[in-house]
Each structure stands twice: as structure tokens, then as C-alpha cells.
Protein backbone atom coordinates (compact mmCIF):
# COMPACT_ATOMS: atom_id res chain seq x y z
CA MET A 1 113.67 84.15 98.28
CA SER A 2 117.06 84.07 96.50
CA SER A 3 119.68 86.52 97.67
CA SER A 4 119.75 88.24 94.26
CA LYS A 5 116.14 89.36 94.79
CA VAL A 6 116.65 91.07 98.22
CA PRO A 7 118.24 94.19 96.79
CA MET A 8 115.37 94.89 94.65
CA VAL A 9 112.84 94.25 97.55
CA LEU A 10 114.80 96.71 99.75
CA LEU A 11 114.89 99.35 96.88
CA LEU A 12 111.10 98.99 96.40
CA SER A 13 110.63 99.40 100.24
CA LEU A 14 112.86 102.58 100.29
CA PHE A 15 111.06 103.97 97.25
CA ILE A 16 107.70 103.56 98.88
CA THR A 17 108.93 105.03 102.14
CA SER A 18 110.29 108.01 100.33
CA LEU A 19 106.97 108.81 98.78
CA LEU A 20 105.10 109.02 102.06
CA ALA A 21 105.76 111.57 104.76
CA MET A 22 104.16 111.75 108.22
CA ILE A 23 102.60 115.20 108.88
CA ALA A 24 100.77 116.67 111.81
CA SER A 25 99.26 119.92 110.70
CA ALA A 26 96.64 122.34 111.38
CA GLY A 27 95.38 123.07 107.95
CA ASN A 28 94.81 126.32 105.97
CA PHE A 29 92.13 126.40 103.28
CA LEU A 30 94.17 128.53 101.05
CA GLN A 31 97.28 126.54 101.13
CA ASP A 32 95.79 123.01 101.49
CA PHE A 33 92.82 122.90 99.14
CA ASP A 34 91.81 123.50 95.52
CA VAL A 35 88.23 124.70 94.34
CA THR A 36 86.73 121.80 92.37
CA PHE A 37 83.53 123.58 91.20
CA GLY A 38 81.43 126.60 92.01
CA ASP A 39 83.95 129.37 91.59
CA GLN A 40 82.86 132.27 93.66
CA ARG A 41 80.38 130.09 95.70
CA VAL A 42 83.45 128.85 97.66
CA LYS A 43 84.59 131.57 100.08
CA ILE A 44 87.87 131.26 101.90
CA LEU A 45 87.89 133.46 105.06
CA GLU A 46 90.13 134.62 107.88
CA GLY A 47 93.28 134.25 105.80
CA GLY A 48 92.36 130.57 105.24
CA LYS A 49 91.17 129.61 108.63
CA SER A 50 87.61 129.00 107.55
CA LEU A 51 85.70 128.32 104.39
CA THR A 52 82.01 128.34 103.29
CA LEU A 53 80.31 126.48 100.52
CA ASN A 54 77.21 127.90 98.84
CA LEU A 55 74.48 126.44 96.70
CA ASP A 56 72.01 128.34 94.54
CA GLN A 57 69.71 127.31 91.69
CA TYR A 58 72.53 127.48 89.29
CA SER A 59 75.20 125.48 90.91
CA GLY A 60 76.67 123.96 94.05
CA SER A 61 80.38 124.20 94.94
CA GLY A 62 83.18 122.01 96.37
CA PHE A 63 86.79 121.63 97.13
CA LYS A 64 89.59 119.10 97.42
CA SER A 65 92.83 118.71 99.21
CA LYS A 66 96.02 119.25 97.30
CA ASN A 67 97.82 116.25 99.09
CA GLU A 68 96.85 112.70 98.76
CA TYR A 69 96.90 110.62 101.98
CA LEU A 70 97.67 107.00 102.75
CA PHE A 71 96.46 106.42 106.25
CA GLY A 72 95.94 108.93 109.03
CA ARG A 73 93.46 110.85 111.06
CA ILE A 74 91.51 113.74 109.35
CA ASP A 75 89.47 116.08 111.46
CA MET A 76 87.10 118.77 110.01
CA GLN A 77 84.68 121.00 111.97
CA ILE A 78 81.43 121.67 109.83
CA LYS A 79 78.40 123.57 110.52
CA LEU A 80 75.60 122.49 108.22
CA VAL A 81 72.96 124.30 106.23
CA PRO A 82 70.41 125.82 108.71
CA GLY A 83 66.68 126.05 108.28
CA ASN A 84 64.93 124.17 105.45
CA SER A 85 67.83 122.15 103.86
CA ALA A 86 65.56 119.63 102.15
CA GLY A 87 67.05 118.39 98.85
CA THR A 88 70.71 119.56 99.73
CA VAL A 89 73.63 117.09 100.43
CA THR A 90 76.85 118.21 102.08
CA THR A 91 79.58 115.78 101.50
CA TYR A 92 82.92 115.35 103.27
CA TYR A 93 84.77 112.18 102.20
CA LEU A 94 88.24 110.62 101.26
CA SER A 95 88.55 109.10 97.75
CA SER A 96 90.98 107.90 95.11
CA GLU A 97 90.29 108.00 91.48
CA GLY A 98 89.27 105.50 88.79
CA PRO A 99 86.86 102.69 88.42
CA THR A 100 88.43 100.53 91.23
CA HIS A 101 88.67 103.64 93.60
CA ASP A 102 88.51 103.51 97.36
CA GLU A 103 86.28 105.90 99.27
CA ILE A 104 85.28 106.62 102.91
CA ASP A 105 82.16 108.80 103.11
CA PHE A 106 80.27 111.22 105.43
CA GLU A 107 77.25 112.58 103.53
CA PHE A 108 74.81 114.98 105.34
CA LEU A 109 71.35 114.59 103.82
CA GLY A 110 69.21 117.81 104.54
CA ASN A 111 65.61 117.89 105.64
CA SER A 112 62.70 120.21 106.06
CA SER A 113 62.88 122.50 109.03
CA GLY A 114 62.21 120.77 112.30
CA ASN A 115 63.32 117.36 110.99
CA PRO A 116 66.77 115.86 111.62
CA TYR A 117 69.62 115.65 109.14
CA THR A 118 70.58 112.14 108.04
CA LEU A 119 74.36 111.25 108.43
CA HIS A 120 75.07 108.83 105.60
CA THR A 121 78.32 106.81 105.75
CA ASN A 122 79.88 104.19 103.30
CA VAL A 123 83.09 102.51 102.52
CA PHE A 124 84.24 101.71 99.05
CA SER A 125 87.11 99.20 98.38
CA GLN A 126 88.47 98.50 94.84
CA GLY A 127 85.26 100.17 93.29
CA LYS A 128 82.67 98.40 95.50
CA GLY A 129 80.57 100.22 98.11
CA ASP A 130 77.03 99.31 99.21
CA ARG A 131 78.09 99.54 102.81
CA GLU A 132 75.68 102.14 103.96
CA GLN A 133 75.01 102.93 107.64
CA GLN A 134 72.93 106.05 108.48
CA PHE A 135 72.35 107.86 111.70
CA HIS A 136 70.41 110.87 113.09
CA LEU A 137 72.63 112.99 115.27
CA TRP A 138 72.18 113.68 119.01
CA PHE A 139 72.44 117.46 118.50
CA ASP A 140 71.43 119.97 115.87
CA PRO A 141 74.40 120.21 113.51
CA THR A 142 73.34 123.54 112.21
CA LYS A 143 73.55 125.48 115.41
CA ALA A 144 77.29 125.18 115.93
CA PHE A 145 80.41 123.67 114.64
CA HIS A 146 81.00 119.90 115.29
CA THR A 147 83.99 117.78 114.48
CA TYR A 148 83.71 114.90 112.14
CA SER A 149 86.82 112.55 111.90
CA PHE A 150 88.16 109.74 109.92
CA VAL A 151 90.72 107.35 111.63
CA TRP A 152 92.15 105.22 108.73
CA ASN A 153 94.92 102.77 109.43
CA SER A 154 95.93 99.38 108.18
CA GLN A 155 93.69 97.57 110.55
CA ARG A 156 90.47 99.51 110.60
CA ILE A 157 88.52 102.72 109.70
CA ILE A 158 86.67 104.53 112.57
CA PHE A 159 84.30 107.22 111.96
CA LEU A 160 83.88 109.79 114.80
CA VAL A 161 81.58 112.63 115.57
CA ASP A 162 83.01 115.04 118.29
CA ASN A 163 85.45 112.12 118.98
CA ILE A 164 82.66 109.67 119.72
CA PRO A 165 82.98 106.47 117.46
CA ILE A 166 79.72 105.98 115.33
CA ARG A 167 81.02 103.26 112.98
CA VAL A 168 84.04 100.93 112.66
CA PHE A 169 84.99 98.98 109.47
CA ASN A 170 87.63 96.48 110.14
CA ASN A 171 90.26 94.97 107.89
CA LEU A 172 89.05 91.58 106.99
CA GLU A 173 91.02 90.73 104.09
CA SER A 174 91.93 87.45 105.76
CA PHE A 175 88.23 86.42 104.98
CA GLY A 176 88.54 87.67 101.42
CA ILE A 177 86.96 91.09 101.88
CA PRO A 178 88.82 94.04 100.30
CA PHE A 179 90.00 96.88 102.48
CA PRO A 180 91.34 100.31 101.41
CA LYS A 181 94.98 100.32 101.96
CA ASN A 182 96.92 100.68 98.75
CA GLN A 183 95.46 103.80 97.06
CA PRO A 184 96.21 107.30 98.43
CA MET A 185 93.04 109.38 98.83
CA ARG A 186 92.36 113.08 98.72
CA ILE A 187 89.81 114.91 100.99
CA TYR A 188 86.73 116.13 99.09
CA SER A 189 83.86 118.25 100.32
CA SER A 190 80.81 119.61 98.34
CA LEU A 191 77.32 121.08 98.71
CA TRP A 192 74.94 120.25 95.90
CA ASN A 193 71.40 119.72 95.08
CA ALA A 194 70.11 116.09 95.23
CA ASP A 195 66.40 116.58 95.75
CA ASP A 196 65.75 113.62 93.36
CA TRP A 197 66.67 111.16 96.24
CA ALA A 198 68.28 112.92 99.18
CA THR A 199 65.20 113.92 101.44
CA GLN A 200 62.51 111.23 102.24
CA GLY A 201 63.51 109.45 98.98
CA GLY A 202 62.94 112.44 96.91
CA ARG A 203 59.57 113.19 98.07
CA VAL A 204 60.60 116.57 99.56
CA LYS A 205 62.10 119.02 96.97
CA THR A 206 64.54 121.77 97.36
CA ASP A 207 62.83 125.16 98.26
CA TRP A 208 64.91 127.64 96.17
CA THR A 209 63.30 130.60 97.91
CA GLN A 210 65.65 129.78 100.73
CA ALA A 211 68.71 129.90 98.50
CA PRO A 212 71.58 130.41 98.78
CA PHE A 213 72.23 127.46 101.11
CA THR A 214 75.50 127.65 103.03
CA ALA A 215 77.68 125.10 104.84
CA SER A 216 80.76 126.31 107.04
CA TYR A 217 84.06 124.73 107.75
CA ARG A 218 86.92 125.43 109.92
CA ASN A 219 89.76 123.74 111.92
CA PHE A 220 90.86 121.20 109.29
CA LYS A 221 93.58 118.99 110.80
CA ALA A 222 95.52 116.13 109.10
CA ASN A 223 97.81 113.69 111.13
CA ALA A 224 98.53 111.61 108.25
CA CYS A 225 100.84 110.18 105.63
CA VAL A 226 101.15 112.27 102.64
CA ALA A 227 101.85 110.45 99.37
CA GLY A 228 104.24 112.08 96.93
CA SER A 229 106.44 113.79 99.29
CA SER A 230 110.12 113.94 98.94
CA SER A 231 110.66 113.60 102.53
CA SER A 232 112.41 110.27 103.70
CA SER A 233 110.69 110.04 107.04
CA SER A 234 108.67 106.77 107.64
CA CYS A 235 105.07 106.32 107.43
CA GLY A 236 103.37 103.93 109.86
CA VAL A 237 105.84 104.18 112.64
CA ALA A 238 106.02 107.28 114.71
CA THR A 239 108.78 109.63 113.55
CA THR A 240 111.63 110.55 115.91
CA ALA A 241 112.49 113.88 117.42
CA SER A 242 115.20 114.31 114.75
CA THR A 243 112.65 114.41 111.93
CA ASN A 244 109.09 115.44 112.21
CA SER A 245 108.49 114.63 115.88
CA LEU A 246 104.93 113.55 116.57
CA THR A 247 103.50 113.29 120.18
CA ASP A 248 101.98 110.02 121.16
CA GLN A 249 98.58 111.63 120.64
CA GLN A 250 99.20 112.71 117.19
CA SER A 251 100.54 109.35 116.13
CA ALA A 252 97.87 107.29 117.97
CA TRP A 253 95.79 106.75 114.93
CA GLN A 254 98.40 104.38 113.59
CA THR A 255 97.26 101.57 116.01
CA GLN A 256 93.89 103.21 117.16
CA THR A 257 91.31 100.79 118.15
CA LEU A 258 88.33 101.01 120.61
CA ASP A 259 88.76 100.57 124.28
CA ALA A 260 85.87 99.53 126.57
CA ALA A 261 84.65 103.15 126.85
CA GLY A 262 84.83 103.53 123.16
CA ARG A 263 82.90 100.29 122.48
CA ASN A 264 80.26 101.49 124.90
CA ARG A 265 79.84 104.77 123.08
CA LEU A 266 79.70 103.08 119.81
CA ARG A 267 76.88 100.71 121.07
CA TRP A 268 75.08 103.76 122.46
CA VAL A 269 75.19 105.60 119.10
CA GLN A 270 74.21 102.54 117.06
CA HIS A 271 71.37 101.69 119.55
CA LYS A 272 69.86 105.10 119.79
CA PHE A 273 70.74 106.96 116.52
CA MET A 274 71.32 104.42 113.77
CA VAL A 275 68.42 104.56 111.37
CA TYR A 276 69.78 102.24 108.52
CA ASN A 277 72.32 99.49 108.50
CA TYR A 278 73.04 97.39 105.52
CA CYS A 279 73.99 94.49 107.57
CA SER A 280 70.28 94.27 108.66
CA ASP A 281 68.77 94.58 105.28
CA ARG A 282 67.54 91.15 104.36
CA LYS A 283 65.40 92.37 101.60
CA ARG A 284 68.25 94.03 99.84
CA PHE A 285 70.34 90.89 100.32
CA PRO A 286 68.13 87.91 100.08
CA GLN A 287 70.96 85.51 99.37
CA GLY A 288 72.58 86.65 102.65
CA VAL A 289 74.16 89.78 104.04
CA PRO A 290 77.73 90.69 102.99
CA ALA A 291 80.50 88.57 104.75
CA GLU A 292 81.88 91.40 106.78
CA CYS A 293 78.37 91.68 108.51
CA LYS A 294 79.12 88.31 110.10
CA ARG A 295 82.27 89.52 111.78
CA SER A 296 82.67 91.62 114.85
CA ARG A 297 81.98 95.21 114.19
CA PHE A 298 84.42 96.36 116.89
């Protein structure tokens, strides 16, 4: 690189850094989110400490974060639709915009009373998804709040339920596999009717006599890099006490991986509770499973 190009590289680096700020915040639904659809079906309670989404025969409802994030740990406590939730889908995901968008998904597919929810996960990079893994949970997600988390750094994405890892998607760009790392993403959540496919392939329809259906949210937390901030604090390196000081625990997501205990928990979940894995679907991929399936999942 010639010396004449160095200042431009430095300026670009400083510009990117200035657009990203590290935050560690306990969220407020009034301050941190906008309603996307459903109007009065979104109810913000307790001065912004909690929120409910409602679905009736006329409309579902949803919200999105005001901030966009580029890497971080996002936690949300959710209590899902109780009783006969067949046909309903509760979503909680990160997504950018456009035809080549990135996306990291939790989707909760309802079921008839007495049958388990299906937790559907997916990862999109540069507009390509088709990386579904599905699970049944080891508890009833309608009886109490449980914490659903994304850890997203430049090396991997970890999906966690009550801090137990259920899935890891590693950065395998060195093998030509795209990884979400350049597009800031907002947090989205919604509750909507999808009875054409959501429950047992669409065979079980929504029972509208049970409406309105309600999903509840609380304790949103974002330890993350916010895009578009005017702060000059760095992103990807823990800030110092003179800026927005983060504890080691709060900034651990930047390099978080699975230790031996975490790998054991992941194996336990995937052995006992996984009900679909695209990497095992030979009928779907007769020419061979996607390349990332041939690499370590940890």
C-alpha cells in the first residue's frame, strides 16, 4: 500500500468507528421500540417495562427496535400464547433490509392444546437462508417467562434459551460461506396468523373462538454495538472506564464461544430436543448438504 493511501484508510476506519457505539442497557419498550403494525393490539405496560402482542381475526401485531445493531448480545424474556395456539406464530429476530438482507431468527410455531411448541431457527446471509433447525423445548413456554438470546460476534452466532446454547452458526467465510457481519440489524417481533403452514404443515387451523391470542415480553437487554451513533467509543473492543465502561461479563459476547460445559449442553439439547436439522435432510439436498454442514458445529 502506498503512503498516499494510508490517510484515507485511517479516515475510513475512524468514520466507521464513529458510527458504532457500545451500549449495555436494560431496555424500555416505550423508549427503544416502535409499533410496526397492529396499533392498539400492541400494549406497552408498567411504564415501558413490559409489552404484550395480540392477534385477533382481523390482524396480528408487531414492533421493532429504533436502534440498529452490528454485533452484540440481545436478550428478551417471552411468555408465549397459552392454550390452543395452533396456527399462530410468534417471531423474535434480527434483520437488516433489502433483497440481500441478513437475518437471525427465533420463530415459535403454535400447536393445539397439549402439544409442544416448535422453536424454529434460521440464519440468512446476503439474502440466502434455508438453514433451518427446529426444536421442542424442555419446558412449557406458556407458563412463565423464559429468556431467549442471540450472541452475535464476528466469529459466530449462538442461539440460547435460558442461557443454554441450542445452536451455533460459525463464521466459515474462509470456505466461501457468507456470514452476517456487515449489515446492521434491528430487533423485530410479531404475533400473526400462519395457519396455512405453521402447525403440522397447515393441517391444524387457528381456532378464532380462542382469540385474542397474547404473547408477553419483558426484560429486554442489549449489550451491543449501535449503528448510527455519534459516540466515538469503539465497537469490538471493551470500552474503558473513561467512556461507557462495561464489565467483563457485559462485553464477553465479543469473543464468546462454547466451553466444555457449553458444548455438553448443546449436545444434550440437539440430541434430546432437535426435531429438524437441514444438515440431515438428504431429500432436500440430493446433490449434497450445504458446505457449512460439513464443518464443526461448535
